[in-house]
Amino acid sequence: MPSTRRATDIGLALPAAVLAPVASVIRRDDAARWLRARAASTPIVAKLVTAPFWLLLIARGVLYPVFGADDLEHSWGGPTLLGAWAVHLLIGIALLAAVSVLLAMATRDAAASST
């Protein structure tokens, strides 16, 4: 079983890579260093595979009221906006976590077989 830290690093690698330059610009050098270390510790494949799940999490989770609040009656978690938003956000987080754990398992197995 992969470590929780490895799965977390994989899941957060893409936002860490995006936020590291932002932290440098606003002169948060410790944060930028930490973010770069997180982003560098994961293979590029992890960033590419998790990218669609981050887009799903942002579009259907965080920004759900902007994109899907027109018909809450037939929405998961509806009929209230808060319920629909919460359900879509939790589904996105669960999918991202599942993909991160699977990638951590796959990269652990690949690293173990190459030695």
PDB file of N, CA and C in Angstrom:
ATOM      1  N   MET A   1       0.844  -1.179   0.000  1.00  0.00           N
ATOM      2  CA  MET A   1       0.000   0.000   0.000  1.00  0.00           C
ATOM      3  C   MET A   1       0.890   1.243   0.000  1.00  0.00           C
ATOM      4  N   PRO A   2       0.591   2.243  -0.829  1.00  0.00           N
ATOM      5  CA  PRO A   2       1.424   3.441  -0.883  1.00  0.00           C
ATOM      6  C   PRO A   2       1.205   4.305   0.357  1.00  0.00           C
ATOM      7  N   SER A   3       2.199   5.116   0.633  1.00  0.00           N
ATOM      8  CA  SER A   3       2.049   6.014   1.775  1.00  0.00           C
ATOM      9  C   SER A   3       1.059   7.125   1.444  1.00  0.00           C
ATOM     10  N   THR A   4       0.428   7.633   2.471  1.00  0.00           N
ATOM     11  CA  THR A   4      -0.507   8.747   2.297  1.00  0.00           C
ATOM     12  C   THR A   4       0.236   9.964   1.775  1.00  0.00           C
ATOM     13  N   ARG A   5       1.464  10.148   2.232  1.00  0.00           N
ATOM     14  CA  ARG A   5       2.263  11.296   1.789  1.00  0.00           C
ATOM     15  C   ARG A   5       2.524  11.234   0.292  1.00  0.00           C
ATOM     16  N   ARG A   6       2.838  10.061  -0.233  1.00  0.00           N
ATOM     17  CA  ARG A   6       3.101   9.903  -1.666  1.00  0.00           C
ATOM     18  C   ARG A   6       1.839  10.217  -2.479  1.00  0.00           C
ATOM     19  N   ALA A   7       0.708   9.704  -2.054  1.00  0.00           N
ATOM     20  CA  ALA A   7      -0.544   9.970  -2.763  1.00  0.00           C
ATOM     21  C   ALA A   7      -0.899  11.456  -2.694  1.00  0.00           C
ATOM     22  N   THR A   8      -0.656  12.084  -1.549  1.00  0.00           N
ATOM     23  CA  THR A   8      -0.923  13.520  -1.411  1.00  0.00           C
ATOM     24  C   THR A   8      -0.009  14.331  -2.309  1.00  0.00           C
ATOM     25  N   ASP A   9       1.277  13.961  -2.353  1.00  0.00           N
ATOM     26  CA  ASP A   9       2.216  14.660  -3.239  1.00  0.00           C
ATOM     27  C   ASP A   9       1.787  14.559  -4.695  1.00  0.00           C
ATOM     28  N   ILE A  10       1.322  13.386  -5.110  1.00  0.00           N
ATOM     29  CA  ILE A  10       0.868  13.211  -6.489  1.00  0.00           C
ATOM     30  C   ILE A  10      -0.382  14.048  -6.752  1.00  0.00           C
ATOM     31  N   GLY A  11      -1.320  14.017  -5.836  1.00  0.00           N
ATOM     32  CA  GLY A  11      -2.551  14.773  -6.020  1.00  0.00           C
ATOM     33  C   GLY A  11      -2.333  16.278  -6.053  1.00  0.00           C
ATOM     34  N   LEU A  12      -1.350  16.758  -5.313  1.00  0.00           N
ATOM     35  CA  LEU A  12      -1.109  18.199  -5.231  1.00  0.00           C
ATOM     36  C   LEU A  12       0.021  18.684  -6.129  1.00  0.00           C
ATOM     37  N   ALA A  13       0.616  17.797  -6.932  1.00  0.00           N
ATOM     38  CA  ALA A  13       1.758  18.185  -7.764  1.00  0.00           C
ATOM     39  C   ALA A  13       1.408  19.256  -8.783  1.00  0.00           C
ATOM     40  N   LEU A  14       0.278  19.128  -9.438  1.00  0.00           N
ATOM     41  CA  LEU A  14      -0.094  20.108 -10.461  1.00  0.00           C
ATOM     42  C   LEU A  14      -0.358  21.490  -9.865  1.00  0.00           C
ATOM     43  N   PRO A  15      -1.188  21.616  -8.812  1.00  0.00           N
ATOM     44  CA  PRO A  15      -1.357  22.960  -8.247  1.00  0.00           C
ATOM     45  C   PRO A  15      -0.064  23.498  -7.641  1.00  0.00           C
ATOM     46  N   ALA A  16       0.788  22.628  -7.109  1.00  0.00           N
ATOM     47  CA  ALA A  16       2.071  23.093  -6.567  1.00  0.00           C
ATOM     48  C   ALA A  16       2.932  23.678  -7.673  1.00  0.00           C
ATOM     49  N   ALA A  17       2.946  23.017  -8.838  1.00  0.00           N
ATOM     50  CA  ALA A  17       3.730  23.522  -9.970  1.00  0.00           C
ATOM     51  C   ALA A  17       3.180  24.864 -10.458  1.00  0.00           C
ATOM     52  N   VAL A  18       1.871  25.039 -10.402  1.00  0.00           N
ATOM     53  CA  VAL A  18       1.247  26.294 -10.849  1.00  0.00           C
ATOM     54  C   VAL A  18       1.466  27.399  -9.820  1.00  0.00           C
ATOM     55  N   LEU A  19       1.401  27.073  -8.544  1.00  0.00           N
ATOM     56  CA  LEU A  19       1.481  28.087  -7.492  1.00  0.00           C
ATOM     57  C   LEU A  19       2.910  28.480  -7.115  1.00  0.00           C
ATOM     58  N   ALA A  20       3.903  27.654  -7.436  1.00  0.00           N
ATOM     59  CA  ALA A  20       5.290  27.986  -7.086  1.00  0.00           C
ATOM     60  C   ALA A  20       5.742  29.304  -7.703  1.00  0.00           C
ATOM     61  N   PRO A  21       5.537  29.552  -8.996  1.00  0.00           N
ATOM     62  CA  PRO A  21       5.929  30.847  -9.542  1.00  0.00           C
ATOM     63  C   PRO A  21       5.151  32.015  -8.930  1.00  0.00           C
ATOM     64  N   VAL A  22       3.894  31.778  -8.594  1.00  0.00           N
ATOM     65  CA  VAL A  22       3.094  32.833  -7.962  1.00  0.00           C
ATOM     66  C   VAL A  22       3.694  33.186  -6.601  1.00  0.00           C
ATOM     67  N   ALA A  23       4.083  32.177  -5.838  1.00  0.00           N
ATOM     68  CA  ALA A  23       4.696  32.424  -4.530  1.00  0.00           C
ATOM     69  C   ALA A  23       6.016  33.170  -4.674  1.00  0.00           C
ATOM     70  N   SER A  24       6.766  32.898  -5.742  1.00  0.00           N
ATOM     71  CA  SER A  24       8.020  33.623  -5.977  1.00  0.00           C
ATOM     72  C   SER A  24       7.758  35.084  -6.280  1.00  0.00           C
ATOM     73  N   VAL A  25       6.735  35.353  -7.087  1.00  0.00           N
ATOM     74  CA  VAL A  25       6.414  36.725  -7.472  1.00  0.00           C
ATOM     75  C   VAL A  25       5.986  37.544  -6.256  1.00  0.00           C
ATOM     76  N   ILE A  26       5.222  36.942  -5.363  1.00  0.00           N
ATOM     77  CA  ILE A  26       4.780  37.699  -4.185  1.00  0.00           C
ATOM     78  C   ILE A  26       5.781  37.580  -3.032  1.00  0.00           C
ATOM     79  N   ARG A  27       6.978  37.104  -3.350  1.00  0.00           N
ATOM     80  CA  ARG A  27       8.113  37.041  -2.419  1.00  0.00           C
ATOM     81  C   ARG A  27       7.857  36.164  -1.193  1.00  0.00           C
ATOM     82  N   ARG A  28       7.264  35.038  -1.437  1.00  0.00           N
ATOM     83  CA  ARG A  28       7.093  34.030  -0.390  1.00  0.00           C
ATOM     84  C   ARG A  28       8.065  32.888  -0.712  1.00  0.00           C
ATOM     85  N   ASP A  29       9.352  33.132  -0.443  1.00  0.00           N
ATOM     86  CA  ASP A  29      10.389  32.199  -0.871  1.00  0.00           C
ATOM     87  C   ASP A  29      10.285  30.832  -0.207  1.00  0.00           C
ATOM     88  N   ASP A  30       9.941  30.786   1.079  1.00  0.00           N
ATOM     89  CA  ASP A  30       9.794  29.491   1.748  1.00  0.00           C
ATOM     90  C   ASP A  30       8.657  28.687   1.124  1.00  0.00           C
ATOM     91  N   ALA A  31       7.550  29.350   0.862  1.00  0.00           N
ATOM     92  CA  ALA A  31       6.415  28.672   0.231  1.00  0.00           C
ATOM     93  C   ALA A  31       6.771  28.221  -1.176  1.00  0.00           C
ATOM     94  N   ALA A  32       7.459  29.070  -1.928  1.00  0.00           N
ATOM     95  CA  ALA A  32       7.858  28.707  -3.292  1.00  0.00           C
ATOM     96  C   ALA A  32       8.786  27.496  -3.281  1.00  0.00           C
ATOM     97  N   ARG A  33       9.716  27.457  -2.345  1.00  0.00           N
ATOM     98  CA  ARG A  33      10.644  26.318  -2.240  1.00  0.00           C
ATOM     99  C   ARG A  33       9.886  25.044  -1.907  1.00  0.00           C
ATOM    100  N   TRP A  34       8.948  25.143  -0.968  1.00  0.00           N
ATOM    101  CA  TRP A  34       8.161  23.977  -0.576  1.00  0.00           C
ATOM    102  C   TRP A  34       7.306  23.484  -1.741  1.00  0.00           C
ATOM    103  N   LEU A  35       6.670  24.413  -2.445  1.00  0.00           N
ATOM    104  CA  LEU A  35       5.831  24.044  -3.588  1.00  0.00           C
ATOM    105  C   LEU A  35       6.658  23.418  -4.703  1.00  0.00           C
ATOM    106  N   ARG A  36       7.843  23.984  -4.983  1.00  0.00           N
ATOM    107  CA  ARG A  36       8.710  23.407  -6.023  1.00  0.00           C
ATOM    108  C   ARG A  36       9.148  21.998  -5.657  1.00  0.00           C
ATOM    109  N   ALA A  37       9.439  21.771  -4.372  1.00  0.00           N
ATOM    110  CA  ALA A  37       9.839  20.429  -3.926  1.00  0.00           C
ATOM    111  C   ALA A  37       8.703  19.436  -4.127  1.00  0.00           C
ATOM    112  N   ARG A  38       7.466  19.837  -3.808  1.00  0.00           N
ATOM    113  CA  ARG A  38       6.308  18.961  -4.022  1.00  0.00           C
ATOM    114  C   ARG A  38       6.130  18.659  -5.506  1.00  0.00           C
ATOM    115  N   ALA A  39       6.243  19.675  -6.333  1.00  0.00           N
ATOM    116  CA  ALA A  39       6.040  19.496  -7.771  1.00  0.00           C
ATOM    117  C   ALA A  39       7.150  18.651  -8.380  1.00  0.00           C
ATOM    118  N   ALA A  40       8.382  18.826  -7.906  1.00  0.00           N
ATOM    119  CA  ALA A  40       9.516  18.097  -8.482  1.00  0.00           C
ATOM    120  C   ALA A  40       9.563  16.643  -8.034  1.00  0.00           C
ATOM    121  N   SER A  41       8.926  16.327  -6.918  1.00  0.00           N
ATOM    122  CA  SER A  41       9.013  14.960  -6.390  1.00  0.00           C
ATOM    123  C   SER A  41       8.083  13.982  -7.100  1.00  0.00           C
ATOM    124  N   THR A  42       7.289  14.472  -8.042  1.00  0.00           N
ATOM    125  CA  THR A  42       6.361  13.589  -8.749  1.00  0.00           C
ATOM    126  C   THR A  42       6.671  13.586 -10.243  1.00  0.00           C
ATOM    127  N   PRO A  43       6.458  12.458 -10.888  1.00  0.00           N
ATOM    128  CA  PRO A  43       6.707  12.396 -12.327  1.00  0.00           C
ATOM    129  C   PRO A  43       5.705  13.244 -13.117  1.00  0.00           C
ATOM    130  N   ILE A  44       6.104  13.661 -14.299  1.00  0.00           N
ATOM    131  CA  ILE A  44       5.244  14.479 -15.161  1.00  0.00           C
ATOM    132  C   ILE A  44       3.955  13.744 -15.497  1.00  0.00           C
ATOM    133  N   VAL A  45       4.028  12.421 -15.581  1.00  0.00           N
ATOM    134  CA  VAL A  45       2.836  11.617 -15.878  1.00  0.00           C
ATOM    135  C   VAL A  45       1.764  11.844 -14.811  1.00  0.00           C
ATOM    136  N   ALA A  46       2.170  11.977 -13.561  1.00  0.00           N
ATOM    137  CA  ALA A  46       1.197  12.214 -12.490  1.00  0.00           C
ATOM    138  C   ALA A  46       0.493  13.547 -12.699  1.00  0.00           C
ATOM    139  N   LYS A  47       1.229  14.552 -13.118  1.00  0.00           N
ATOM    140  CA  LYS A  47       0.620  15.864 -13.360  1.00  0.00           C
ATOM    141  C   LYS A  47      -0.348  15.790 -14.542  1.00  0.00           C
ATOM    142  N   LEU A  48       0.036  15.080 -15.585  1.00  0.00           N
ATOM    143  CA  LEU A  48      -0.824  14.964 -16.762  1.00  0.00           C
ATOM    144  C   LEU A  48      -2.087  14.162 -16.474  1.00  0.00           C
ATOM    145  N   VAL A  49      -1.953  13.105 -15.691  1.00  0.00           N
ATOM    146  CA  VAL A  49      -3.109  12.258 -15.402  1.00  0.00           C
ATOM    147  C   VAL A  49      -4.067  12.955 -14.437  1.00  0.00           C
ATOM    148  N   THR A  50      -3.542  13.703 -13.483  1.00  0.00           N
ATOM    149  CA  THR A  50      -4.428  14.362 -12.521  1.00  0.00           C
ATOM    150  C   THR A  50      -5.012  15.669 -13.056  1.00  0.00           C
ATOM    151  N   ALA A  51      -4.468  16.215 -14.138  1.00  0.00           N
ATOM    152  CA  ALA A  51      -4.952  17.494 -14.677  1.00  0.00           C
ATOM    153  C   ALA A  51      -6.451  17.475 -15.011  1.00  0.00           C
ATOM    154  N   PRO A  52      -6.969  16.448 -15.701  1.00  0.00           N
ATOM    155  CA  PRO A  52      -8.415  16.457 -15.980  1.00  0.00           C
ATOM    156  C   PRO A  52      -9.266  16.399 -14.708  1.00  0.00           C
ATOM    157  N   PHE A  53      -8.774  15.716 -13.692  1.00  0.00           N
ATOM    158  CA  PHE A  53      -9.524  15.629 -12.445  1.00  0.00           C
ATOM    159  C   PHE A  53      -9.504  16.958 -11.696  1.00  0.00           C
ATOM    160  N   TRP A  54      -8.398  17.719 -11.812  1.00  0.00           N
ATOM    161  CA  TRP A  54      -8.360  19.065 -11.238  1.00  0.00           C
ATOM    162  C   TRP A  54      -9.334  19.979 -11.973  1.00  0.00           C
ATOM    163  N   LEU A  55      -9.394  19.845 -13.305  1.00  0.00           N
ATOM    164  CA  LEU A  55     -10.359  20.650 -14.057  1.00  0.00           C
ATOM    165  C   LEU A  55     -11.793  20.317 -13.655  1.00  0.00           C
ATOM    166  N   LEU A  56     -12.074  19.032 -13.483  1.00  0.00           N
ATOM    167  CA  LEU A  56     -13.394  18.603 -13.035  1.00  0.00           C
ATOM    168  C   LEU A  56     -13.694  19.151 -11.647  1.00  0.00           C
ATOM    169  N   LEU A  57     -12.720  19.074 -10.757  1.00  0.00           N
ATOM    170  CA  LEU A  57     -12.912  19.561  -9.396  1.00  0.00           C
ATOM    171  C   LEU A  57     -13.183  21.059  -9.377  1.00  0.00           C
ATOM    172  N   ILE A  58     -12.472  21.804 -10.199  1.00  0.00           N
ATOM    173  CA  ILE A  58     -12.673  23.258 -10.230  1.00  0.00           C
ATOM    174  C   ILE A  58     -13.994  23.615 -10.911  1.00  0.00           C
ATOM    175  N   ALA A  59     -14.230  23.032 -12.085  1.00  0.00           N
ATOM    176  CA  ALA A  59     -15.416  23.401 -12.859  1.00  0.00           C
ATOM    177  C   ALA A  59     -16.714  22.904 -12.229  1.00  0.00           C
ATOM    178  N   ARG A  60     -16.745  21.656 -11.799  1.00  0.00           N
ATOM    179  CA  ARG A  60     -17.989  21.087 -11.279  1.00  0.00           C
ATOM    180  C   ARG A  60     -18.061  21.106  -9.761  1.00  0.00           C
ATOM    181  N   GLY A  61     -16.932  21.354  -9.101  1.00  0.00           N
ATOM    182  CA  GLY A  61     -16.937  21.403  -7.647  1.00  0.00           C
ATOM    183  C   GLY A  61     -16.931  22.818  -7.130  1.00  0.00           C
ATOM    184  N   VAL A  62     -15.826  23.493  -7.283  1.00  0.00           N
ATOM    185  CA  VAL A  62     -15.677  24.829  -6.728  1.00  0.00           C
ATOM    186  C   VAL A  62     -16.577  25.832  -7.438  1.00  0.00           C
ATOM    187  N   LEU A  63     -16.611  25.791  -8.770  1.00  0.00           N
ATOM    188  CA  LEU A  63     -17.376  26.772  -9.536  1.00  0.00           C
ATOM    189  C   LEU A  63     -18.740  26.254  -9.973  1.00  0.00           C
ATOM    190  N   TYR A  64     -19.269  25.237  -9.287  1.00  0.00           N
ATOM    191  CA  TYR A  64     -20.542  24.649  -9.701  1.00  0.00           C
ATOM    192  C   TYR A  64     -21.672  25.676  -9.803  1.00  0.00           C
ATOM    193  N   PRO A  65     -21.813  26.586  -8.847  1.00  0.00           N
ATOM    194  CA  PRO A  65     -22.927  27.542  -8.980  1.00  0.00           C
ATOM    195  C   PRO A  65     -22.843  28.401 -10.242  1.00  0.00           C
ATOM    196  N   VAL A  66     -21.650  28.640 -10.746  1.00  0.00           N
ATOM    197  CA  VAL A  66     -21.497  29.448 -11.960  1.00  0.00           C
ATOM    198  C   VAL A  66     -21.949  28.663 -13.182  1.00  0.00           C
ATOM    199  N   PHE A  67     -21.606  27.363 -13.233  1.00  0.00           N
ATOM    200  CA  PHE A  67     -21.854  26.562 -14.431  1.00  0.00           C
ATOM    201  C   PHE A  67     -23.131  25.734 -14.387  1.00  0.00           C
ATOM    202  N   GLY A  68     -23.627  25.385 -13.207  1.00  0.00           N
ATOM    203  CA  GLY A  68     -24.729  24.438 -13.187  1.00  0.00           C
ATOM    204  C   GLY A  68     -25.893  24.791 -12.300  1.00  0.00           C
ATOM    205  N   ALA A  69     -25.980  26.007 -11.840  1.00  0.00           N
ATOM    206  CA  ALA A  69     -27.028  26.352 -10.883  1.00  0.00           C
ATOM    207  C   ALA A  69     -28.355  26.702 -11.543  1.00  0.00           C
ATOM    208  N   ASP A  70     -28.477  26.525 -12.849  1.00  0.00           N
ATOM    209  CA  ASP A  70     -29.722  26.902 -13.521  1.00  0.00           C
ATOM    210  C   ASP A  70     -30.860  25.910 -13.265  1.00  0.00           C
ATOM    211  N   ASP A  71     -30.543  24.625 -13.062  1.00  0.00           N
ATOM    212  CA  ASP A  71     -31.586  23.626 -12.850  1.00  0.00           C
ATOM    213  C   ASP A  71     -31.207  22.737 -11.673  1.00  0.00           C
ATOM    214  N   LEU A  72     -31.441  23.189 -10.463  1.00  0.00           N
ATOM    215  CA  LEU A  72     -31.063  22.444  -9.263  1.00  0.00           C
ATOM    216  C   LEU A  72     -32.004  21.288  -8.957  1.00  0.00           C
ATOM    217  N   GLU A  73     -33.196  21.317  -9.504  1.00  0.00           N
ATOM    218  CA  GLU A  73     -34.180  20.288  -9.196  1.00  0.00           C
ATOM    219  C   GLU A  73     -33.704  18.898  -9.622  1.00  0.00           C
ATOM    220  N   HIS A  74     -32.950  18.824 -10.706  1.00  0.00           N
ATOM    221  CA  HIS A  74     -32.470  17.541 -11.220  1.00  0.00           C
ATOM    222  C   HIS A  74     -30.980  17.336 -10.970  1.00  0.00           C
ATOM    223  N   SER A  75     -30.430  18.099 -10.090  1.00  0.00           N
ATOM    224  CA  SER A  75     -29.007  18.033  -9.797  1.00  0.00           C
ATOM    225  C   SER A  75     -28.750  17.114  -8.609  1.00  0.00           C
ATOM    226  N   TRP A  76     -27.595  16.444  -8.613  1.00  0.00           N
ATOM    227  CA  TRP A  76     -27.216  15.633  -7.460  1.00  0.00           C
ATOM    228  C   TRP A  76     -27.067  16.563  -6.271  1.00  0.00           C
ATOM    229  N   GLY A  77     -27.704  16.257  -5.179  1.00  0.00           N
ATOM    230  CA  GLY A  77     -27.622  17.080  -3.991  1.00  0.00           C
ATOM    231  C   GLY A  77     -28.663  18.179  -3.955  1.00  0.00           C
ATOM    232  N   GLY A  78     -29.416  18.370  -5.062  1.00  0.00           N
ATOM    233  CA  GLY A  78     -30.448  19.408  -5.112  1.00  0.00           C
ATOM    234  C   GLY A  78     -31.574  19.055  -4.174  1.00  0.00           C
ATOM    235  N   PRO A  79     -32.522  19.874  -4.018  1.00  0.00           N
ATOM    236  CA  PRO A  79     -32.917  21.048  -4.769  1.00  0.00           C
ATOM    237  C   PRO A  79     -32.307  22.356  -4.263  1.00  0.00           C
ATOM    238  N   THR A  80     -31.427  22.325  -3.254  1.00  0.00           N
ATOM    239  CA  THR A  80     -30.825  23.588  -2.814  1.00  0.00           C
ATOM    240  C   THR A  80     -29.458  23.759  -3.453  1.00  0.00           C
ATOM    241  N   LEU A  81     -29.043  24.991  -3.622  1.00  0.00           N
ATOM    242  CA  LEU A  81     -27.736  25.283  -4.205  1.00  0.00           C
ATOM    243  C   LEU A  81     -26.616  24.743  -3.319  1.00  0.00           C
ATOM    244  N   LEU A  82     -26.716  24.892  -2.010  1.00  0.00           N
ATOM    245  CA  LEU A  82     -25.674  24.421  -1.105  1.00  0.00           C
ATOM    246  C   LEU A  82     -25.505  22.905  -1.194  1.00  0.00           C
ATOM    247  N   GLY A  83     -26.614  22.175  -1.226  1.00  0.00           N
ATOM    248  CA  GLY A  83     -26.539  20.722  -1.330  1.00  0.00           C
ATOM    249  C   GLY A  83     -25.925  20.276  -2.642  1.00  0.00           C
ATOM    250  N   ALA A  84     -26.338  20.882  -3.744  1.00  0.00           N
ATOM    251  CA  ALA A  84     -25.789  20.518  -5.057  1.00  0.00           C
ATOM    252  C   ALA A  84     -24.302  20.858  -5.132  1.00  0.00           C
ATOM    253  N   TRP A  85     -23.920  22.013  -4.628  1.00  0.00           N
ATOM    254  CA  TRP A  85     -22.508  22.416  -4.650  1.00  0.00           C
ATOM    255  C   TRP A  85     -21.673  21.450  -3.815  1.00  0.00           C
ATOM    256  N   ALA A  86     -22.147  21.116  -2.609  1.00  0.00           N
ATOM    257  CA  ALA A  86     -21.399  20.228  -1.721  1.00  0.00           C
ATOM    258  C   ALA A  86     -21.222  18.843  -2.334  1.00  0.00           C
ATOM    259  N   VAL A  87     -22.268  18.292  -2.931  1.00  0.00           N
ATOM    260  CA  VAL A  87     -22.171  16.956  -3.525  1.00  0.00           C
ATOM    261  C   VAL A  87     -21.196  16.960  -4.706  1.00  0.00           C
ATOM    262  N   HIS A  88     -21.265  17.952  -5.581  1.00  0.00           N
ATOM    263  CA  HIS A  88     -20.354  18.002  -6.720  1.00  0.00           C
ATOM    264  C   HIS A  88     -18.913  18.200  -6.268  1.00  0.00           C
ATOM    265  N   LEU A  89     -18.684  19.008  -5.248  1.00  0.00           N
ATOM    266  CA  LEU A  89     -17.332  19.207  -4.727  1.00  0.00           C
ATOM    267  C   LEU A  89     -16.793  17.922  -4.110  1.00  0.00           C
ATOM    268  N   LEU A  90     -17.591  17.238  -3.323  1.00  0.00           N
ATOM    269  CA  LEU A  90     -17.137  15.994  -2.687  1.00  0.00           C
ATOM    270  C   LEU A  90     -16.854  14.897  -3.712  1.00  0.00           C
ATOM    271  N   ILE A  91     -17.651  14.823  -4.757  1.00  0.00           N
ATOM    272  CA  ILE A  91     -17.389  13.831  -5.810  1.00  0.00           C
ATOM    273  C   ILE A  91     -16.054  14.133  -6.496  1.00  0.00           C
ATOM    274  N   GLY A  92     -15.798  15.396  -6.782  1.00  0.00           N
ATOM    275  CA  GLY A  92     -14.520  15.779  -7.395  1.00  0.00           C
ATOM    276  C   GLY A  92     -13.335  15.461  -6.507  1.00  0.00           C
ATOM    277  N   ILE A  93     -13.449  15.740  -5.224  1.00  0.00           N
ATOM    278  CA  ILE A  93     -12.360  15.443  -4.285  1.00  0.00           C
ATOM    279  C   ILE A  93     -12.138  13.934  -4.194  1.00  0.00           C
ATOM    280  N   ALA A  94     -13.212  13.161  -4.129  1.00  0.00           N
ATOM    281  CA  ALA A  94     -13.090  11.700  -4.051  1.00  0.00           C
ATOM    282  C   ALA A  94     -12.429  11.131  -5.302  1.00  0.00           C
ATOM    283  N   LEU A  95     -12.808  11.624  -6.478  1.00  0.00           N
ATOM    284  CA  LEU A  95     -12.186  11.147  -7.718  1.00  0.00           C
ATOM    285  C   LEU A  95     -10.699  11.491  -7.774  1.00  0.00           C
ATOM    286  N   LEU A  96     -10.359  12.710  -7.390  1.00  0.00           N
ATOM    287  CA  LEU A  96      -8.951  13.121  -7.388  1.00  0.00           C
ATOM    288  C   LEU A  96      -8.150  12.287  -6.399  1.00  0.00           C
ATOM    289  N   ALA A  97      -8.698  12.028  -5.227  1.00  0.00           N
ATOM    290  CA  ALA A  97      -8.013  11.203  -4.235  1.00  0.00           C
ATOM    291  C   ALA A  97      -7.820   9.777  -4.739  1.00  0.00           C
ATOM    292  N   ALA A  98      -8.845   9.210  -5.361  1.00  0.00           N
ATOM    293  CA  ALA A  98      -8.745   7.838  -5.879  1.00  0.00           C
ATOM    294  C   ALA A  98      -7.675   7.736  -6.964  1.00  0.00           C
ATOM    295  N   VAL A  99      -7.650   8.694  -7.875  1.00  0.00           N
ATOM    296  CA  VAL A  99      -6.642   8.682  -8.938  1.00  0.00           C
ATOM    297  C   VAL A  99      -5.249   8.860  -8.347  1.00  0.00           C
ATOM    298  N   SER A 100      -5.103   9.707  -7.352  1.00  0.00           N
ATOM    299  CA  SER A 100      -3.803   9.929  -6.722  1.00  0.00           C
ATOM    300  C   SER A 100      -3.294   8.670  -6.034  1.00  0.00           C
ATOM    301  N   VAL A 101      -4.180   7.956  -5.350  1.00  0.00           N
ATOM    302  CA  VAL A 101      -3.780   6.710  -4.693  1.00  0.00           C
ATOM    303  C   VAL A 101      -3.387   5.667  -5.734  1.00  0.00           C
ATOM    304  N   LEU A 102      -4.167   5.552  -6.809  1.00  0.00           N
ATOM    305  CA  LEU A 102      -3.826   4.586  -7.864  1.00  0.00           C
ATOM    306  C   LEU A 102      -2.478   4.911  -8.503  1.00  0.00           C
ATOM    307  N   LEU A 103      -2.229   6.184  -8.758  1.00  0.00           N
ATOM    308  CA  LEU A 103      -0.938   6.574  -9.320  1.00  0.00           C
ATOM    309  C   LEU A 103       0.201   6.319  -8.346  1.00  0.00           C
ATOM    310  N   ALA A 104      -0.023   6.551  -7.069  1.00  0.00           N
ATOM    311  CA  ALA A 104       1.010   6.267  -6.071  1.00  0.00           C
ATOM    312  C   ALA A 104       1.329   4.786  -6.032  1.00  0.00           C
ATOM    313  N   MET A 105       0.294   3.945  -6.140  1.00  0.00           N
ATOM    314  CA  MET A 105       0.516   2.510  -6.177  1.00  0.00           C
ATOM    315  C   MET A 105       1.270   2.091  -7.432  1.00  0.00           C
ATOM    316  N   ALA A 106       0.890   2.665  -8.579  1.00  0.00           N
ATOM    317  CA  ALA A 106       1.526   2.309  -9.846  1.00  0.00           C
ATOM    318  C   ALA A 106       2.983   2.761  -9.890  1.00  0.00           C
ATOM    319  N   THR A 107       3.265   3.950  -9.405  1.00  0.00           N
ATOM    320  CA  THR A 107       4.651   4.426  -9.448  1.00  0.00           C
ATOM    321  C   THR A 107       5.504   3.712  -8.417  1.00  0.00           C
ATOM    322  N   ARG A 108       4.901   3.307  -7.301  1.00  0.00           N
ATOM    323  CA  ARG A 108       5.651   2.525  -6.323  1.00  0.00           C
ATOM    324  C   ARG A 108       6.030   1.180  -6.890  1.00  0.00           C
ATOM    325  N   ASP A 109       5.071   0.516  -7.573  1.00  0.00           N
ATOM    326  CA  ASP A 109       5.340  -0.782  -8.185  1.00  0.00           C
ATOM    327  C   ASP A 109       6.370  -0.653  -9.301  1.00  0.00           C
ATOM    328  N   ALA A 110       6.301   0.406 -10.081  1.00  0.00           N
ATOM    329  CA  ALA A 110       7.266   0.612 -11.161  1.00  0.00           C
ATOM    330  C   ALA A 110       8.653   0.876 -10.594  1.00  0.00           C
ATOM    331  N   ALA A 111       8.743   1.649  -9.514  1.00  0.00           N
ATOM    332  CA  ALA A 111      10.049   1.939  -8.906  1.00  0.00           C
ATOM    333  C   ALA A 111      10.629   0.674  -8.266  1.00  0.00           C
ATOM    334  N   ALA A 112       9.776  -0.158  -7.673  1.00  0.00           N
ATOM    335  CA  ALA A 112      10.252  -1.390  -7.040  1.00  0.00           C
ATOM    336  C   ALA A 112      10.748  -2.392  -8.085  1.00  0.00           C
ATOM    337  N   SER A 113      10.107  -2.448  -9.230  1.00  0.00           N
ATOM    338  CA  SER A 113      10.515  -3.420 -10.248  1.00  0.00           C
ATOM    339  C   SER A 113      11.752  -2.975 -11.022  1.00  0.00           C
ATOM    340  N   SER A 114      12.063  -1.677 -11.016  1.00  0.00           N
ATOM    341  CA  SER A 114      13.232  -1.201 -11.751  1.00  0.00           C
ATOM    342  C   SER A 114      14.518  -1.358 -10.953  1.00  0.00           C
ATOM    343  N   THR A 115      14.423  -1.688  -9.660  1.00  0.00           N
ATOM    344  CA  THR A 115      15.642  -1.849  -8.850  1.00  0.00           C
ATOM    345  C   THR A 115      16.072  -3.264  -8.766  1.00  0.00           C
TER     346      THR A 115
END
